[in-house]
Amino acid sequence: MEHRPTAAWLTEAAGAAQHQGPGNLLRVVLVVMILGCVLTAWFLLRGYKRKDD
């Protein structure tokens, strides 16, 4: 097992992260979009639950 300096390991990890593509970003965007839709639906539909007596 060879010994690598910390700076070299971080540089290699940063280079590998750039080659992964937009996968993580797209996951975050989809999760935020779904949560936003759920919260918007809850906010709009909660008014129909109230009864005017």
PDB file of N, CA and C in Angstrom:
ATOM      1  N   MET A   1       0.849  -1.183   0.000  1.00  0.00           N
ATOM      2  CA  MET A   1       0.000   0.000   0.000  1.00  0.00           C
ATOM      3  C   MET A   1       0.888   1.237   0.000  1.00  0.00           C
ATOM      4  N   GLU A   2       0.691   2.082  -0.951  1.00  0.00           N
ATOM      5  CA  GLU A   2       1.537   3.255  -1.053  1.00  0.00           C
ATOM      6  C   GLU A   2       0.963   4.408  -0.231  1.00  0.00           C
ATOM      7  N   HIS A   3       1.844   5.255   0.199  1.00  0.00           N
ATOM      8  CA  HIS A   3       1.440   6.412   1.003  1.00  0.00           C
ATOM      9  C   HIS A   3       1.281   7.619   0.089  1.00  0.00           C
ATOM     10  N   ARG A   4       0.126   8.257   0.177  1.00  0.00           N
ATOM     11  CA  ARG A   4      -0.120   9.456  -0.625  1.00  0.00           C
ATOM     12  C   ARG A   4      -0.295  10.648   0.306  1.00  0.00           C
ATOM     13  N   PRO A   5       0.254  11.769  -0.055  1.00  0.00           N
ATOM     14  CA  PRO A   5       0.008  12.978   0.744  1.00  0.00           C
ATOM     15  C   PRO A   5      -1.466  13.373   0.678  1.00  0.00           C
ATOM     16  N   THR A   6      -1.933  14.057   1.702  1.00  0.00           N
ATOM     17  CA  THR A   6      -3.338  14.444   1.782  1.00  0.00           C
ATOM     18  C   THR A   6      -3.738  15.346   0.615  1.00  0.00           C
ATOM     19  N   ALA A   7      -2.870  16.253   0.236  1.00  0.00           N
ATOM     20  CA  ALA A   7      -3.193  17.180  -0.859  1.00  0.00           C
ATOM     21  C   ALA A   7      -3.407  16.426  -2.169  1.00  0.00           C
ATOM     22  N   ALA A   8      -2.595  15.403  -2.412  1.00  0.00           N
ATOM     23  CA  ALA A   8      -2.752  14.630  -3.651  1.00  0.00           C
ATOM     24  C   ALA A   8      -4.070  13.863  -3.634  1.00  0.00           C
ATOM     25  N   TRP A   9      -4.440  13.328  -2.485  1.00  0.00           N
ATOM     26  CA  TRP A   9      -5.701  12.588  -2.371  1.00  0.00           C
ATOM     27  C   TRP A   9      -6.893  13.515  -2.600  1.00  0.00           C
ATOM     28  N   LEU A  10      -6.845  14.724  -2.025  1.00  0.00           N
ATOM     29  CA  LEU A  10      -7.946  15.677  -2.212  1.00  0.00           C
ATOM     30  C   LEU A  10      -8.052  16.122  -3.665  1.00  0.00           C
ATOM     31  N   THR A  11      -6.918  16.329  -4.313  1.00  0.00           N
ATOM     32  CA  THR A  11      -6.933  16.728  -5.722  1.00  0.00           C
ATOM     33  C   THR A  11      -7.533  15.625  -6.590  1.00  0.00           C
ATOM     34  N   GLU A  12      -7.173  14.379  -6.291  1.00  0.00           N
ATOM     35  CA  GLU A  12      -7.725  13.258  -7.054  1.00  0.00           C
ATOM     36  C   GLU A  12      -9.224  13.105  -6.815  1.00  0.00           C
ATOM     37  N   ALA A  13      -9.657  13.305  -5.576  1.00  0.00           N
ATOM     38  CA  ALA A  13     -11.087  13.205  -5.265  1.00  0.00           C
ATOM     39  C   ALA A  13     -11.874  14.318  -5.951  1.00  0.00           C
ATOM     40  N   ALA A  14     -11.318  15.519  -5.974  1.00  0.00           N
ATOM     41  CA  ALA A  14     -12.000  16.630  -6.649  1.00  0.00           C
ATOM     42  C   ALA A  14     -12.090  16.380  -8.148  1.00  0.00           C
ATOM     43  N   GLY A  15     -11.050  15.818  -8.739  1.00  0.00           N
ATOM     44  CA  GLY A  15     -11.069  15.505 -10.166  1.00  0.00           C
ATOM     45  C   GLY A  15     -12.084  14.427 -10.487  1.00  0.00           C
ATOM     46  N   ALA A  16     -12.223  13.437  -9.618  1.00  0.00           N
ATOM     47  CA  ALA A  16     -13.203  12.374  -9.835  1.00  0.00           C
ATOM     48  C   ALA A  16     -14.624  12.905  -9.697  1.00  0.00           C
ATOM     49  N   ALA A  17     -14.827  13.850  -8.810  1.00  0.00           N
ATOM     50  CA  ALA A  17     -16.169  14.419  -8.619  1.00  0.00           C
ATOM     51  C   ALA A  17     -16.625  15.179  -9.862  1.00  0.00           C
ATOM     52  N   GLN A  18     -15.704  15.769 -10.579  1.00  0.00           N
ATOM     53  CA  GLN A  18     -16.078  16.516 -11.778  1.00  0.00           C
ATOM     54  C   GLN A  18     -16.471  15.589 -12.923  1.00  0.00           C
ATOM     55  N   HIS A  19     -16.033  14.360 -12.902  1.00  0.00           N
ATOM     56  CA  HIS A  19     -16.333  13.422 -13.978  1.00  0.00           C
ATOM     57  C   HIS A  19     -17.644  12.680 -13.764  1.00  0.00           C
ATOM     58  N   GLN A  20     -18.310  12.905 -12.639  1.00  0.00           N
ATOM     59  CA  GLN A  20     -19.548  12.184 -12.356  1.00  0.00           C
ATOM     60  C   GLN A  20     -20.733  12.729 -13.126  1.00  0.00           C
ATOM     61  N   GLY A  21     -20.678  13.950 -13.551  1.00  0.00           N
ATOM     62  CA  GLY A  21     -21.782  14.516 -14.303  1.00  0.00           C
ATOM     63  C   GLY A  21     -22.818  15.153 -13.398  1.00  0.00           C
ATOM     64  N   PRO A  22     -23.981  15.476 -13.959  1.00  0.00           N
ATOM     65  CA  PRO A  22     -25.003  16.219 -13.230  1.00  0.00           C
ATOM     66  C   PRO A  22     -25.938  15.345 -12.391  1.00  0.00           C
ATOM     67  N   GLY A  23     -25.575  14.113 -12.095  1.00  0.00           N
ATOM     68  CA  GLY A  23     -26.480  13.202 -11.397  1.00  0.00           C
ATOM     69  C   GLY A  23     -26.932  13.713 -10.040  1.00  0.00           C
ATOM     70  N   ASN A  24     -25.987  14.158  -9.219  1.00  0.00           N
ATOM     71  CA  ASN A  24     -26.354  14.621  -7.880  1.00  0.00           C
ATOM     72  C   ASN A  24     -27.187  15.896  -7.938  1.00  0.00           C
ATOM     73  N   LEU A  25     -26.844  16.786  -8.837  1.00  0.00           N
ATOM     74  CA  LEU A  25     -27.599  18.031  -8.978  1.00  0.00           C
ATOM     75  C   LEU A  25     -29.030  17.741  -9.403  1.00  0.00           C
ATOM     76  N   LEU A  26     -29.203  16.830 -10.345  1.00  0.00           N
ATOM     77  CA  LEU A  26     -30.550  16.494 -10.800  1.00  0.00           C
ATOM     78  C   LEU A  26     -31.372  15.846  -9.691  1.00  0.00           C
ATOM     79  N   ARG A  27     -30.736  15.025  -8.854  1.00  0.00           N
ATOM     80  CA  ARG A  27     -31.457  14.428  -7.723  1.00  0.00           C
ATOM     81  C   ARG A  27     -31.932  15.504  -6.762  1.00  0.00           C
ATOM     82  N   VAL A  28     -31.079  16.460  -6.463  1.00  0.00           N
ATOM     83  CA  VAL A  28     -31.453  17.536  -5.547  1.00  0.00           C
ATOM     84  C   VAL A  28     -32.586  18.361  -6.139  1.00  0.00           C
ATOM     85  N   VAL A  29     -32.494  18.689  -7.421  1.00  0.00           N
ATOM     86  CA  VAL A  29     -33.545  19.477  -8.075  1.00  0.00           C
ATOM     87  C   VAL A  29     -34.876  18.729  -8.042  1.00  0.00           C
ATOM     88  N   LEU A  30     -34.857  17.429  -8.323  1.00  0.00           N
ATOM     89  CA  LEU A  30     -36.096  16.651  -8.311  1.00  0.00           C
ATOM     90  C   LEU A  30     -36.709  16.574  -6.917  1.00  0.00           C
ATOM     91  N   VAL A  31     -35.890  16.357  -5.893  1.00  0.00           N
ATOM     92  CA  VAL A  31     -36.412  16.274  -4.529  1.00  0.00           C
ATOM     93  C   VAL A  31     -37.008  17.607  -4.107  1.00  0.00           C
ATOM     94  N   VAL A  32     -36.328  18.710  -4.395  1.00  0.00           N
ATOM     95  CA  VAL A  32     -36.840  20.034  -4.034  1.00  0.00           C
ATOM     96  C   VAL A  32     -38.124  20.330  -4.801  1.00  0.00           C
ATOM     97  N   MET A  33     -38.190  19.939  -6.062  1.00  0.00           N
ATOM     98  CA  MET A  33     -39.383  20.190  -6.866  1.00  0.00           C
ATOM     99  C   MET A  33     -40.576  19.396  -6.332  1.00  0.00           C
ATOM    100  N   ILE A  34     -40.344  18.133  -5.981  1.00  0.00           N
ATOM    101  CA  ILE A  34     -41.436  17.312  -5.445  1.00  0.00           C
ATOM    102  C   ILE A  34     -41.909  17.848  -4.102  1.00  0.00           C
ATOM    103  N   LEU A  35     -40.977  18.215  -3.226  1.00  0.00           N
ATOM    104  CA  LEU A  35     -41.368  18.784  -1.931  1.00  0.00           C
ATOM    105  C   LEU A  35     -42.126  20.105  -2.119  1.00  0.00           C
ATOM    106  N   GLY A  36     -41.694  20.907  -3.071  1.00  0.00           N
ATOM    107  CA  GLY A  36     -42.393  22.161  -3.347  1.00  0.00           C
ATOM    108  C   GLY A  36     -43.809  21.928  -3.834  1.00  0.00           C
ATOM    109  N   CYS A  37     -43.995  20.925  -4.695  1.00  0.00           N
ATOM    110  CA  CYS A  37     -45.345  20.600  -5.180  1.00  0.00           C
ATOM    111  C   CYS A  37     -46.236  20.103  -4.052  1.00  0.00           C
ATOM    112  N   VAL A  38     -45.683  19.276  -3.177  1.00  0.00           N
ATOM    113  CA  VAL A  38     -46.466  18.761  -2.050  1.00  0.00           C
ATOM    114  C   VAL A  38     -46.860  19.897  -1.113  1.00  0.00           C
ATOM    115  N   LEU A  39     -45.932  20.776  -0.796  1.00  0.00           N
ATOM    116  CA  LEU A  39     -46.251  21.897   0.098  1.00  0.00           C
ATOM    117  C   LEU A  39     -47.245  22.862  -0.540  1.00  0.00           C
ATOM    118  N   THR A  40     -47.119  23.095  -1.838  1.00  0.00           N
ATOM    119  CA  THR A  40     -48.071  23.972  -2.526  1.00  0.00           C
ATOM    120  C   THR A  40     -49.462  23.356  -2.540  1.00  0.00           C
ATOM    121  N   ALA A  41     -49.556  22.062  -2.805  1.00  0.00           N
ATOM    122  CA  ALA A  41     -50.854  21.388  -2.793  1.00  0.00           C
ATOM    123  C   ALA A  41     -51.469  21.431  -1.400  1.00  0.00           C
ATOM    124  N   TRP A  42     -50.654  21.195  -0.375  1.00  0.00           N
ATOM    125  CA  TRP A  42     -51.172  21.252   1.002  1.00  0.00           C
ATOM    126  C   TRP A  42     -51.686  22.647   1.320  1.00  0.00           C
ATOM    127  N   PHE A  43     -50.929  23.678   0.927  1.00  0.00           N
ATOM    128  CA  PHE A  43     -51.333  25.054   1.215  1.00  0.00           C
ATOM    129  C   PHE A  43     -52.630  25.418   0.493  1.00  0.00           C
ATOM    130  N   LEU A  44     -52.770  24.995  -0.755  1.00  0.00           N
ATOM    131  CA  LEU A  44     -53.968  25.340  -1.520  1.00  0.00           C
ATOM    132  C   LEU A  44     -55.186  24.529  -1.079  1.00  0.00           C
ATOM    133  N   LEU A  45     -54.981  23.269  -0.730  1.00  0.00           N
ATOM    134  CA  LEU A  45     -56.113  22.404  -0.401  1.00  0.00           C
ATOM    135  C   LEU A  45     -56.551  22.505   1.056  1.00  0.00           C
ATOM    136  N   ARG A  46     -55.750  23.107   1.915  1.00  0.00           N
ATOM    137  CA  ARG A  46     -56.155  23.177   3.322  1.00  0.00           C
ATOM    138  C   ARG A  46     -57.355  24.089   3.528  1.00  0.00           C
ATOM    139  N   GLY A  47     -57.590  25.009   2.619  1.00  0.00           N
ATOM    140  CA  GLY A  47     -58.748  25.897   2.740  1.00  0.00           C
ATOM    141  C   GLY A  47     -60.060  25.179   2.490  1.00  0.00           C
ATOM    142  N   TYR A  48     -60.050  24.095   1.730  1.00  0.00           N
ATOM    143  CA  TYR A  48     -61.282  23.356   1.456  1.00  0.00           C
ATOM    144  C   TYR A  48     -61.735  22.528   2.647  1.00  0.00           C
ATOM    145  N   LYS A  49     -60.862  22.318   3.607  1.00  0.00           N
ATOM    146  CA  LYS A  49     -61.190  21.513   4.778  1.00  0.00           C
ATOM    147  C   LYS A  49     -62.070  22.293   5.758  1.00  0.00           C
ATOM    148  N   ARG A  50     -61.967  23.605   5.739  1.00  0.00           N
ATOM    149  CA  ARG A  50     -62.721  24.440   6.682  1.00  0.00           C
ATOM    150  C   ARG A  50     -64.210  24.463   6.313  1.00  0.00           C
ATOM    151  N   LYS A  51     -65.036  24.415   7.322  1.00  0.00           N
ATOM    152  CA  LYS A  51     -66.481  24.485   7.080  1.00  0.00           C
ATOM    153  C   LYS A  51     -66.982  25.836   7.559  1.00  0.00           C
ATOM    154  N   ASP A  52     -67.770  26.478   6.745  1.00  0.00           N
ATOM    155  CA  ASP A  52     -68.373  27.754   7.117  1.00  0.00           C
ATOM    156  C   ASP A  52     -69.752  27.491   7.729  1.00  0.00           C
ATOM    157  N   ASP A  53     -69.843  27.593   9.035  1.00  0.00           N
ATOM    158  CA  ASP A  53     -71.121  27.367   9.719  1.00  0.00           C
ATOM    159  C   ASP A  53     -71.744  28.690  10.118  1.00  0.00           C
TER     160      ASP A  53
END
